[in-house]
Amino acid sequence: MGVKYSASESSQLMEAMANNIQVANEVTDRLSQGCDHLIAALDSGELMGAAYTAGKGLFSEIIIPAIKKLQAAVDDIQTELNSYRIADAQVSEYGNLDLDQLKKTKELREKQLASIKKAIEAKESFLERVKSIATFNIVSHMESLVILSSAESQIESQIKELEEKIEKLEFFVAQVSQYFSDSLEVLRLAIQGATQLSEIIVDSDGNYYADGVDMNWVKKMKEQKIETHQLDKNIPVTKAEKEKKVIVDDLQSSYNMDESTANVLYKLQQGILKRAKQEGWTNEKVLYEYNRLVASPVYGVRATWRGLAGVVDAKNTSDLDIILADYGISEEERILFKEKIRKQYESNHSKDLAHEAVQIASFTELSWGDRDLSKLDGRKGLIAHIISTIGNSTRIGDLPVNTEKYESSFKGDIDSGRYDDADFNSDLDAITSYERMISKDVETKDVFKVQADYNHSIQTNQTNRVEEFYTVMGNGDKANGKRMVETLIENNTIGGNFIKYGFDLNIFIGKPNDKEEGWKQDFYNYLDRGDEKNVGT
């Protein structure tokens, strides 16, 4: 027989148990007080005699320990009833649930969804489009696609709701199946003991005898372990809630964001993913949109970064607020978003969120087409990007190499002489996590979870940051990657020289000095320190 849940019956159960617990507490309290009073009277000599002596032994050795165990069992039931209420709150809003029926309905909806997707694919095929044009039936063709797409969205929503109900009901069953059994066994043994105690014989010498009386309940009650299950009311239940917790926890632990800001960042991610699904965005597009917005409160004031990474000027315009509002971020959340990202950038934490984000946004190369050339700022951004691309190049043997990606990362930090471990951590993590997130094996909806999982593996040293960095830089070969990094560091570019010298003739010929060599050595030292254990962990 399948699992069925009734909110009304569950409510009645909780009410009955609460009443019974109240009565049990009153009874055990009176019994305990009576026993304590009796033992105190015997100890003081107020009550004397063989019968009283026998009673003291019986109470001390059997009755009082049984009452204490009974009190512990009642306390356990109360705690687990509170846990039951938390688990029940996950499903009570649905009224009545039938697990088997939910699974059958979900299976039916999935078959319907597959049929609709197949119909959409057929409608979107080249031959169908050509046919609609040839028969002047384009409008009808498009209307059919709209209807099918709407049906697809509705069924996907229904499947999501069914999955949530199934996950919550299965969670409820798994939780409550652990409750009460150990304590109810103590209550059963106590009831059994109460019937046996009346058969115990007490003689005139003050001895008591249990011959012929089944006293196994005493041993069983003593040995019965009581394990209390206490449920956290904030525990994630559904797959979506668990995935949210992974990302929110990562934003807090990896970047030292408070919970409120982490939730705003997660909300922005979900808003972007929703639009990505509607418009068919790639992983790169999702990463570009999110990271350029995250970097904007810090890097938006510079035209160079507006050109390279598509960041938005959050200081002199309201553009960032408008974009965030489109993703459902409230005014209060937008203020928090900008304030906390700037504050995190200025902190001494082991990773820099905005620094990492601006790199990832620039790696996508999607800022080229993401500007309004009718505006001065759009033209300035384009010119900055063109100059950067031309200026950041070198040669490895006979092969030209564009180094713009690395000048916006570790190479730029070295060339500027402005860096610390947090900068280098974020440089390497931006490069390596980006490669993971744009992998063909990663579904677009999972890109942010991939980054959170990567960060966790770094924090726990399950992944070595430097080793993965070299491997990525060498296209899968660590030794080649190490040589590539050394080549990039030791060969100057016009763009790198500009960072060092500004508008100076030396941007073409360079003027190496001891200070620059020290900057390079600092990065090499950082890589050496991170060879066995990740820096900052």
Protein backbone atom coordinates (compact mmCIF):
# COMPACT_ATOMS: atom_id res chain seq x y z
CA MET A 1 0.00 0.00 0.00
CA GLY A 2 1.39 3.38 -0.99
CA VAL A 3 2.00 6.38 1.22
CA LYS A 4 -1.01 8.63 1.79
CA TYR A 5 -1.02 11.80 3.84
CA SER A 6 -3.93 13.70 5.35
CA ALA A 7 -3.33 17.15 6.83
CA SER A 8 -6.45 16.93 9.03
CA GLU A 9 -5.51 13.51 10.46
CA SER A 10 -1.95 14.67 11.04
CA SER A 11 -3.24 17.73 12.88
CA GLN A 12 -5.46 15.57 15.08
CA LEU A 13 -2.50 13.30 15.85
CA MET A 14 -0.34 16.24 16.93
CA GLU A 15 -3.12 17.63 19.13
CA ALA A 16 -3.74 14.24 20.80
CA MET A 17 -0.04 13.69 21.42
CA ALA A 18 0.37 17.17 22.91
CA ASN A 19 -2.50 16.47 25.34
CA ASN A 20 -1.08 13.06 26.28
CA ILE A 21 2.36 14.55 26.86
CA GLN A 22 0.85 17.12 29.20
CA VAL A 23 -0.91 14.40 31.22
CA ALA A 24 2.23 12.22 31.24
CA ASN A 25 4.32 15.11 32.54
CA GLU A 26 1.87 15.78 35.35
CA VAL A 27 1.81 12.10 36.36
CA THR A 28 5.59 11.60 36.26
CA ASP A 29 6.14 14.87 38.15
CA ARG A 30 3.77 13.74 40.95
CA LEU A 31 5.34 10.26 41.06
CA SER A 32 8.83 11.72 41.20
CA GLN A 33 7.91 14.17 43.93
CA GLY A 34 6.22 11.40 45.94
CA CYS A 35 9.26 9.14 45.65
CA ASP A 36 11.63 11.92 46.66
CA HIS A 37 9.44 12.73 49.67
CA LEU A 38 9.31 9.06 50.72
CA ILE A 39 13.08 8.56 50.47
CA ALA A 40 13.70 11.79 52.40
CA ALA A 41 11.35 10.63 55.18
CA LEU A 42 13.09 7.26 55.41
CA ASP A 43 16.53 8.84 55.45
CA SER A 44 15.53 11.24 58.23
CA GLY A 45 14.16 8.41 60.42
CA GLU A 46 10.66 9.79 60.32
CA LEU A 47 9.48 6.44 58.93
CA MET A 48 11.05 3.31 60.42
CA GLY A 49 10.55 -0.43 60.30
CA ALA A 50 11.20 -3.50 58.21
CA ALA A 51 8.45 -2.75 55.72
CA TYR A 52 9.73 0.78 55.19
CA THR A 53 13.27 -0.53 54.75
CA ALA A 54 12.03 -2.94 52.06
CA GLY A 55 10.12 -0.11 50.42
CA LYS A 56 13.24 2.04 50.31
CA GLY A 57 15.17 -0.69 48.50
CA LEU A 58 12.33 -1.30 46.05
CA PHE A 59 11.96 2.39 45.29
CA SER A 60 15.69 3.11 45.04
CA GLU A 61 16.55 0.13 42.85
CA ILE A 62 13.50 -0.22 40.62
CA ILE A 63 10.73 2.36 40.88
CA ILE A 64 12.71 5.64 40.89
CA PRO A 65 15.04 4.62 38.00
CA ALA A 66 11.95 3.57 36.04
CA ILE A 67 10.27 6.94 36.66
CA LYS A 68 13.43 8.80 35.59
CA LYS A 69 13.58 6.76 32.40
CA LEU A 70 9.90 7.44 31.84
CA GLN A 71 10.49 11.19 32.24
CA ALA A 72 13.32 11.02 29.68
CA ALA A 73 11.02 9.19 27.27
CA VAL A 74 8.28 11.82 27.65
CA ASP A 75 10.84 14.61 27.05
CA ASP A 76 12.03 12.76 23.94
CA ILE A 77 8.48 12.47 22.63
CA GLN A 78 7.97 16.21 23.18
CA THR A 79 11.15 17.09 21.25
CA GLU A 80 10.28 14.73 18.43
CA LEU A 81 6.72 16.06 18.33
CA ASN A 82 8.24 19.51 17.69
CA SER A 83 10.31 17.95 14.90
CA TYR A 84 7.17 16.27 13.57
CA ARG A 85 5.47 19.69 13.39
CA ILE A 86 8.40 21.07 11.34
CA ALA A 87 8.26 18.10 8.95
CA ASP A 88 4.47 18.34 8.76
CA ALA A 89 4.68 22.02 7.79
CA GLN A 90 6.39 20.96 4.56
CA VAL A 91 3.30 19.06 3.36
CA SER A 92 0.29 20.33 5.32
CA GLU A 93 -0.42 23.13 2.82
CA TYR A 94 -1.32 20.51 0.21
CA GLY A 95 -4.13 18.94 2.26
CA ASN A 96 -4.16 15.32 1.08
CA LEU A 97 -1.35 13.62 -0.83
CA ASP A 98 -1.05 10.19 -2.41
CA LEU A 99 2.57 9.35 -3.30
CA ASP A 100 1.74 6.69 -5.89
CA GLN A 101 -0.77 8.97 -7.62
CA LEU A 102 1.70 11.86 -7.66
CA LYS A 103 4.33 9.70 -9.35
CA LYS A 104 1.85 8.40 -11.93
CA THR A 105 0.71 11.94 -12.76
CA LYS A 106 4.33 13.11 -13.06
CA GLU A 107 5.09 10.25 -15.44
CA LEU A 108 2.07 11.19 -17.57
CA ARG A 109 3.09 14.86 -17.69
CA GLU A 110 6.62 13.90 -18.72
CA LYS A 111 5.25 11.88 -21.65
CA GLN A 112 3.07 14.84 -22.66
CA LEU A 113 6.08 17.16 -22.43
CA ALA A 114 8.16 14.86 -24.63
CA SER A 115 5.40 14.85 -27.27
CA ILE A 116 5.14 18.65 -27.24
CA LYS A 117 8.92 19.07 -27.51
CA LYS A 118 8.91 16.72 -30.48
CA ALA A 119 6.12 18.76 -32.11
CA ILE A 120 8.06 21.99 -31.53
CA GLU A 121 11.20 20.50 -33.08
CA ALA A 122 9.16 19.46 -36.12
CA LYS A 123 7.64 22.94 -36.43
CA GLU A 124 11.07 24.57 -36.12
CA SER A 125 12.65 22.33 -38.73
CA PHE A 126 14.00 23.90 -41.90
CA LEU A 127 11.49 22.15 -44.16
CA GLU A 128 8.52 23.32 -42.11
CA ARG A 129 9.75 26.93 -42.18
CA VAL A 130 10.27 26.77 -45.92
CA LYS A 131 6.83 25.20 -46.39
CA SER A 132 5.13 27.95 -44.37
CA ILE A 133 6.82 30.60 -46.51
CA ALA A 134 5.96 28.86 -49.78
CA THR A 135 2.28 28.50 -48.83
CA PHE A 136 2.07 32.03 -47.36
CA ASN A 137 1.18 30.39 -44.06
CA ILE A 138 3.84 32.07 -41.92
CA VAL A 139 1.39 33.62 -39.42
CA SER A 140 -0.36 30.31 -38.79
CA HIS A 141 3.00 28.59 -38.44
CA MET A 142 4.17 31.10 -35.83
CA GLU A 143 0.85 30.93 -33.95
CA SER A 144 1.20 27.15 -33.70
CA LEU A 145 4.69 27.55 -32.30
CA VAL A 146 3.44 30.06 -29.71
CA ILE A 147 0.66 27.68 -28.63
CA LEU A 148 3.06 24.74 -28.37
CA SER A 149 5.62 26.81 -26.44
CA SER A 150 2.93 27.95 -24.00
CA ALA A 151 1.81 24.35 -23.46
CA GLU A 152 5.45 23.32 -22.94
CA SER A 153 5.91 26.00 -20.28
CA GLN A 154 2.67 25.04 -18.49
CA ILE A 155 3.52 21.34 -18.36
CA GLU A 156 7.07 22.05 -17.19
CA SER A 157 5.57 24.12 -14.38
CA GLN A 158 3.17 21.29 -13.47
CA ILE A 159 6.04 18.78 -13.41
CA LYS A 160 8.02 21.08 -11.16
CA GLU A 161 5.08 21.34 -8.74
CA LEU A 162 4.63 17.55 -8.73
CA GLU A 163 8.35 17.03 -8.10
CA GLU A 164 8.17 19.43 -5.17
CA LYS A 165 5.21 17.59 -3.64
CA ILE A 166 6.90 14.20 -4.09
CA GLU A 167 10.18 15.43 -2.59
CA LYS A 168 8.43 16.99 0.41
CA LEU A 169 6.20 13.97 1.05
CA GLU A 170 9.15 11.57 0.84
CA PHE A 171 11.09 13.83 3.20
CA PHE A 172 8.17 13.85 5.65
CA VAL A 173 7.90 10.05 5.59
CA ALA A 174 11.67 9.58 6.02
CA GLN A 175 11.73 11.95 8.98
CA VAL A 176 8.68 10.80 10.96
CA SER A 177 9.56 7.13 10.53
CA GLN A 178 12.46 7.78 12.94
CA TYR A 179 10.33 9.38 15.64
CA PHE A 180 8.79 8.02 18.86
CA SER A 181 9.57 4.28 18.55
CA ASP A 182 12.30 4.15 21.24
CA SER A 183 10.33 6.26 23.74
CA LEU A 184 7.09 4.37 23.10
CA GLU A 185 8.97 1.18 23.92
CA VAL A 186 9.90 2.72 27.30
CA LEU A 187 6.23 3.55 27.90
CA ARG A 188 5.23 -0.02 27.02
CA LEU A 189 7.77 -1.42 29.45
CA ALA A 190 6.62 1.01 32.16
CA ILE A 191 3.03 -0.18 31.77
CA GLN A 192 4.21 -3.78 31.92
CA GLY A 193 6.22 -2.96 35.05
CA ALA A 194 3.24 -1.38 36.77
CA THR A 195 1.29 -4.63 36.47
CA GLN A 196 4.24 -6.69 37.78
CA LEU A 197 5.06 -4.55 40.82
CA SER A 198 1.82 -5.55 42.58
CA GLU A 199 3.02 -9.18 42.63
CA ILE A 200 6.27 -8.45 44.49
CA ILE A 201 6.36 -9.96 48.03
CA VAL A 202 7.77 -8.04 51.02
CA ASP A 203 8.60 -9.99 54.24
CA SER A 204 8.70 -8.87 57.87
CA ASP A 205 12.48 -8.59 57.83
CA GLY A 206 12.47 -5.86 55.26
CA ASN A 207 13.27 -7.92 52.20
CA TYR A 208 11.37 -7.98 48.89
CA TYR A 209 11.08 -10.92 46.53
CA ALA A 210 10.27 -11.06 42.85
CA ASP A 211 10.23 -14.86 42.58
CA GLY A 212 7.91 -15.95 39.81
CA VAL A 213 7.43 -12.34 38.69
CA ASP A 214 8.63 -11.38 35.18
CA MET A 215 11.11 -8.59 35.95
CA ASN A 216 12.78 -8.58 32.53
CA TRP A 217 11.12 -5.23 31.91
CA VAL A 218 13.52 -3.61 34.40
CA LYS A 219 16.61 -4.76 32.47
CA LYS A 220 15.02 -3.93 29.11
CA MET A 221 14.01 -0.46 30.26
CA LYS A 222 17.50 0.22 31.57
CA GLU A 223 19.09 -0.92 28.30
CA GLN A 224 16.61 0.84 26.01
CA LYS A 225 18.46 3.73 24.37
CA ILE A 226 16.59 6.93 23.70
CA GLU A 227 17.80 8.75 20.59
CA THR A 228 16.26 12.18 20.14
CA HIS A 229 15.74 13.42 16.57
CA GLN A 230 15.72 17.19 16.41
CA LEU A 231 14.85 18.76 13.05
CA ASP A 232 16.11 22.18 11.98
CA LYS A 233 13.20 24.27 10.75
CA ASN A 234 15.47 25.77 8.07
CA ILE A 235 16.56 22.44 6.63
CA PRO A 236 16.47 22.31 2.81
CA VAL A 237 14.01 19.67 1.60
CA THR A 238 13.56 19.85 -2.16
CA LYS A 239 16.31 19.58 -4.75
CA ALA A 240 15.92 23.29 -5.53
CA GLU A 241 16.27 24.23 -1.84
CA LYS A 242 19.37 22.05 -1.48
CA GLU A 243 20.98 23.60 -4.54
CA LYS A 244 20.19 27.08 -3.23
CA LYS A 245 21.84 26.24 0.09
CA VAL A 246 25.01 25.07 -1.70
CA ILE A 247 25.31 28.39 -3.55
CA VAL A 248 24.29 30.65 -0.65
CA ASP A 249 26.66 28.83 1.71
CA ASP A 250 29.46 29.23 -0.84
CA LEU A 251 28.87 32.97 -1.20
CA GLN A 252 29.12 33.25 2.57
CA SER A 253 32.15 31.01 3.08
CA SER A 254 34.21 31.81 -0.06
CA TYR A 255 33.54 35.56 -0.19
CA ASN A 256 32.47 36.35 3.38
CA MET A 257 29.08 37.70 2.26
CA ASP A 258 26.34 37.95 4.89
CA GLU A 259 23.27 35.76 4.39
CA SER A 260 21.03 38.61 3.18
CA THR A 261 23.47 39.66 0.43
CA ALA A 262 24.12 36.03 -0.52
CA ASN A 263 20.36 35.57 -0.99
CA VAL A 264 20.20 38.67 -3.22
CA LEU A 265 23.04 37.33 -5.37
CA TYR A 266 21.27 33.97 -5.61
CA LYS A 267 18.04 35.74 -6.57
CA LEU A 268 19.90 37.56 -9.37
CA GLN A 269 21.33 34.25 -10.60
CA GLN A 270 17.86 32.72 -10.75
CA GLY A 271 16.46 35.75 -12.59
CA ILE A 272 19.23 35.47 -15.18
CA LEU A 273 18.74 31.70 -15.54
CA LYS A 274 15.01 32.23 -16.08
CA ARG A 275 15.68 34.65 -18.93
CA ALA A 276 18.39 32.36 -20.28
CA LYS A 277 15.87 29.54 -20.57
CA GLN A 278 13.35 31.79 -22.31
CA GLU A 279 15.87 33.15 -24.80
CA GLY A 280 18.16 30.13 -25.23
CA TRP A 281 21.33 31.66 -23.77
CA THR A 282 24.63 29.79 -23.69
CA ASN A 283 26.66 29.21 -20.53
CA GLU A 284 28.97 32.03 -21.62
CA LYS A 285 26.07 34.46 -21.97
CA VAL A 286 24.77 33.60 -18.49
CA LEU A 287 28.23 34.05 -16.98
CA TYR A 288 28.75 37.32 -18.82
CA GLU A 289 25.46 38.82 -17.68
CA TYR A 290 25.81 37.84 -14.02
CA ASN A 291 29.48 38.65 -13.57
CA ARG A 292 29.41 42.01 -15.37
CA LEU A 293 26.62 43.10 -13.01
CA VAL A 294 28.43 41.82 -9.92
CA ALA A 295 31.60 43.63 -10.95
CA SER A 296 29.81 46.91 -11.78
CA PRO A 297 29.69 48.50 -8.28
CA VAL A 298 33.51 48.38 -8.20
CA TYR A 299 34.72 48.45 -11.82
CA GLY A 300 31.89 50.33 -13.54
CA VAL A 301 33.54 53.73 -13.18
CA ARG A 302 36.32 52.84 -15.66
CA ALA A 303 35.69 52.99 -19.42
CA THR A 304 38.37 50.33 -19.95
CA TRP A 305 36.42 47.75 -17.96
CA ARG A 306 33.15 48.87 -19.52
CA GLY A 307 34.77 47.98 -22.83
CA LEU A 308 36.45 44.73 -21.79
CA ALA A 309 33.83 43.27 -19.47
CA GLY A 310 30.59 45.14 -20.20
CA VAL A 311 30.33 46.46 -16.64
CA VAL A 312 27.85 49.25 -15.95
CA ASP A 313 28.68 52.65 -14.49
CA ALA A 314 26.90 52.43 -11.13
CA LYS A 315 28.26 55.75 -9.85
CA ASN A 316 27.22 58.22 -12.53
CA THR A 317 24.18 56.46 -14.02
CA SER A 318 21.13 54.53 -12.85
CA ASP A 319 21.68 51.86 -15.53
CA LEU A 320 22.67 49.15 -13.04
CA ASP A 321 19.55 49.75 -10.95
CA ILE A 322 17.37 49.49 -14.03
CA ILE A 323 18.94 46.19 -15.10
CA LEU A 324 18.75 44.71 -11.59
CA ALA A 325 15.11 45.77 -11.28
CA ASP A 326 14.36 43.91 -14.53
CA TYR A 327 15.63 40.77 -12.81
CA GLY A 328 13.27 41.28 -9.87
CA ILE A 329 15.78 42.85 -7.45
CA SER A 330 13.96 45.34 -5.18
CA GLU A 331 15.23 48.81 -4.35
CA GLU A 332 16.31 47.71 -0.87
CA GLU A 333 18.09 44.70 -2.33
CA ARG A 334 19.83 46.85 -4.96
CA ILE A 335 21.22 49.15 -2.26
CA LEU A 336 22.47 46.13 -0.31
CA PHE A 337 23.93 44.58 -3.48
CA LYS A 338 26.07 47.62 -4.33
CA GLU A 339 27.11 48.41 -0.77
CA LYS A 340 28.16 44.88 0.19
CA ILE A 341 30.06 44.17 -3.04
CA ARG A 342 32.09 47.38 -2.58
CA LYS A 343 32.67 46.51 1.07
CA GLN A 344 33.83 42.98 0.19
CA TYR A 345 36.24 44.41 -2.39
CA GLU A 346 37.80 46.63 0.28
CA SER A 347 38.08 43.80 2.84
CA ASN A 348 41.04 41.49 3.45
CA HIS A 349 39.19 38.27 2.70
CA SER A 350 41.00 35.44 0.92
CA LYS A 351 38.99 35.95 -2.30
CA ASP A 352 37.72 39.07 -4.07
CA LEU A 353 34.24 38.67 -5.58
CA ALA A 354 34.26 41.73 -7.86
CA HIS A 355 37.85 41.09 -9.03
CA GLU A 356 36.92 37.53 -9.93
CA ALA A 357 33.67 38.58 -11.60
CA VAL A 358 35.20 41.23 -13.87
CA GLN A 359 37.67 38.67 -15.17
CA ILE A 360 35.02 36.04 -15.91
CA ALA A 361 32.88 38.62 -17.71
CA SER A 362 35.85 39.65 -19.87
CA PHE A 363 36.78 36.02 -20.64
CA THR A 364 33.46 35.50 -22.43
CA GLU A 365 34.37 38.15 -25.05
CA LEU A 366 30.66 39.02 -25.23
CA SER A 367 31.15 42.70 -24.46
CA TRP A 368 32.06 43.36 -28.13
CA GLY A 369 28.44 43.44 -29.26
CA ASP A 370 26.95 44.62 -25.99
CA ARG A 371 27.16 48.38 -26.29
CA ASP A 372 25.16 51.27 -27.68
CA LEU A 373 27.40 52.93 -30.28
CA SER A 374 24.97 55.84 -30.60
CA LYS A 375 26.22 57.00 -27.19
CA LEU A 376 29.66 58.42 -26.38
CA ASP A 377 30.22 55.91 -23.58
CA GLY A 378 29.46 53.03 -25.94
CA ARG A 379 32.00 54.32 -28.46
CA LYS A 380 34.61 54.88 -25.74
CA GLY A 381 34.13 51.31 -24.52
CA LEU A 382 34.54 49.90 -28.02
CA ILE A 383 37.70 51.94 -28.66
CA ALA A 384 39.13 50.81 -25.27
CA HIS A 385 38.47 47.18 -26.16
CA ILE A 386 40.07 47.51 -29.61
CA ILE A 387 43.18 49.19 -28.20
CA SER A 388 43.42 46.55 -25.47
CA THR A 389 43.15 43.71 -27.98
CA ILE A 390 45.83 45.20 -30.22
CA GLY A 391 48.13 46.11 -27.37
CA ASN A 392 47.90 42.81 -25.52
CA SER A 393 49.65 40.33 -27.77
CA THR A 394 52.94 38.47 -27.86
CA ARG A 395 54.54 35.61 -29.78
CA ILE A 396 55.48 32.14 -28.64
CA GLY A 397 57.82 30.92 -31.32
CA ASP A 398 56.07 31.65 -34.59
CA LEU A 399 52.60 31.71 -33.02
CA PRO A 400 50.89 34.99 -32.12
CA VAL A 401 49.15 34.84 -28.73
CA ASN A 402 46.47 37.23 -27.52
CA THR A 403 47.25 37.99 -23.88
CA GLU A 404 44.31 40.29 -23.16
CA LYS A 405 42.65 37.57 -21.03
CA TYR A 406 45.74 37.32 -18.85
CA GLU A 407 46.36 41.09 -18.65
CA SER A 408 42.89 41.35 -17.11
CA SER A 409 43.97 38.63 -14.68
CA PHE A 410 47.27 37.65 -13.02
CA LYS A 411 49.51 39.34 -15.63
CA GLY A 412 47.80 42.68 -15.10
CA ASP A 413 48.18 42.39 -11.32
CA ILE A 414 51.89 41.67 -11.72
CA ASP A 415 52.38 44.53 -14.19
CA SER A 416 50.58 46.99 -11.93
CA GLY A 417 52.46 46.01 -8.78
CA ARG A 418 49.15 46.20 -6.91
CA TYR A 419 48.22 42.76 -5.62
CA ASP A 420 47.96 40.49 -2.62
CA ASP A 421 47.13 36.83 -2.08
CA ALA A 422 43.40 37.52 -2.45
CA ASP A 423 44.02 39.01 -5.91
CA PHE A 424 46.06 36.02 -7.02
CA ASN A 425 43.53 33.57 -5.55
CA SER A 426 40.77 35.23 -7.54
CA ASP A 427 42.95 35.38 -10.67
CA LEU A 428 43.55 31.65 -10.68
CA ASP A 429 40.02 30.75 -9.60
CA ALA A 430 38.48 32.92 -12.30
CA ILE A 431 40.50 31.13 -14.99
CA THR A 432 39.95 27.58 -13.71
CA SER A 433 36.32 27.85 -12.61
CA TYR A 434 35.44 29.53 -15.93
CA GLU A 435 36.78 26.53 -17.82
CA ARG A 436 34.66 24.23 -15.69
CA MET A 437 31.51 26.31 -16.14
CA ILE A 438 31.68 26.53 -19.95
CA SER A 439 32.32 22.82 -20.36
CA LYS A 440 29.97 21.13 -22.83
CA ASP A 441 29.01 18.67 -20.09
CA VAL A 442 27.57 21.44 -17.91
CA GLU A 443 23.92 22.36 -18.37
CA THR A 444 23.27 26.09 -18.35
CA LYS A 445 21.03 25.83 -15.30
CA ASP A 446 23.94 24.37 -13.30
CA VAL A 447 26.73 26.87 -14.02
CA PHE A 448 26.53 28.61 -10.63
CA LYS A 449 26.44 25.31 -8.75
CA VAL A 450 29.57 24.24 -10.64
CA GLN A 451 31.35 27.34 -9.40
CA ALA A 452 30.17 26.74 -5.81
CA ASP A 453 31.35 23.12 -5.97
CA TYR A 454 34.73 24.27 -7.31
CA ASN A 455 35.12 26.82 -4.49
CA HIS A 456 34.25 24.15 -1.92
CA SER A 457 36.87 21.81 -3.36
CA ILE A 458 39.45 24.61 -3.07
CA GLN A 459 38.51 25.45 0.53
CA THR A 460 38.77 21.80 1.56
CA ASN A 461 41.94 21.26 -0.53
CA GLN A 462 40.29 18.49 -2.52
CA THR A 463 41.43 20.45 -5.58
CA ASN A 464 44.83 22.10 -5.76
CA ARG A 465 44.39 25.58 -7.19
CA VAL A 466 47.88 25.89 -8.66
CA GLU A 467 47.86 22.42 -10.23
CA GLU A 468 44.51 23.02 -11.93
CA PHE A 469 45.68 26.47 -13.07
CA TYR A 470 48.74 25.01 -14.77
CA THR A 471 46.64 22.23 -16.31
CA VAL A 472 44.14 24.71 -17.77
CA MET A 473 46.92 26.98 -19.04
CA GLY A 474 48.52 23.97 -20.77
CA ASN A 475 45.27 22.72 -22.33
CA GLY A 476 45.35 19.63 -20.15
CA ASP A 477 49.12 19.34 -19.71
CA LYS A 478 50.51 20.69 -16.42
CA ALA A 479 54.12 20.95 -17.62
CA ASN A 480 53.10 22.88 -20.76
CA GLY A 481 50.93 25.12 -18.62
CA LYS A 482 53.83 25.98 -16.35
CA ARG A 483 55.96 26.93 -19.36
CA MET A 484 53.09 28.98 -20.78
CA VAL A 485 52.71 30.93 -17.53
CA GLU A 486 56.45 31.68 -17.39
CA THR A 487 56.40 32.84 -21.02
CA LEU A 488 53.48 35.19 -20.35
CA ILE A 489 55.15 36.66 -17.29
CA GLU A 490 58.58 37.15 -18.82
CA ASN A 491 57.41 38.63 -22.16
CA ASN A 492 56.14 42.19 -22.10
CA THR A 493 53.30 43.54 -24.21
CA ILE A 494 52.38 47.10 -25.10
CA GLY A 495 49.28 46.74 -22.95
CA GLY A 496 51.32 45.46 -20.02
CA ASN A 497 53.85 48.26 -20.42
CA PHE A 498 51.02 50.80 -20.50
CA ILE A 499 49.82 49.48 -17.15
CA LYS A 500 53.37 49.92 -15.78
CA TYR A 501 54.43 53.22 -17.37
CA GLY A 502 51.27 54.96 -18.58
CA PHE A 503 51.59 57.26 -21.61
CA ASP A 504 55.34 56.94 -22.13
CA LEU A 505 57.62 55.87 -24.98
CA ASN A 506 58.67 52.97 -22.81
CA ILE A 507 55.39 51.23 -23.57
CA PHE A 508 57.04 50.17 -26.84
CA ILE A 509 60.55 49.31 -25.61
CA GLY A 510 60.09 48.79 -21.85
CA LYS A 511 62.54 49.69 -19.09
CA PRO A 512 62.95 46.67 -16.81
CA ASN A 513 63.95 47.42 -13.24
CA ASP A 514 64.42 45.58 -9.95
CA LYS A 515 60.94 46.51 -8.76
CA GLU A 516 59.33 44.75 -11.72
CA GLU A 517 61.45 41.67 -11.15
CA GLY A 518 60.24 41.67 -7.55
CA TRP A 519 56.61 41.73 -8.70
CA LYS A 520 57.23 38.70 -10.91
CA GLN A 521 59.02 36.88 -8.12
CA ASP A 522 56.11 37.54 -5.75
CA PHE A 523 53.80 35.69 -8.13
CA TYR A 524 56.25 32.79 -8.53
CA ASN A 525 56.51 32.61 -4.73
CA TYR A 526 52.72 32.59 -4.46
CA LEU A 527 52.53 29.66 -6.89
CA ASP A 528 55.18 27.78 -4.90
CA ARG A 529 53.32 28.36 -1.63
CA GLY A 530 50.13 27.02 -3.18
CA ASP A 531 51.77 23.93 -4.62
CA GLU A 532 50.89 21.71 -1.64
CA LYS A 533 48.09 23.61 0.12
CA ASN A 534 45.83 26.27 -1.35
CA VAL A 535 46.79 29.77 -0.22
CA GLY A 536 44.19 31.24 2.13
CA THR A 537 42.77 27.91 3.34
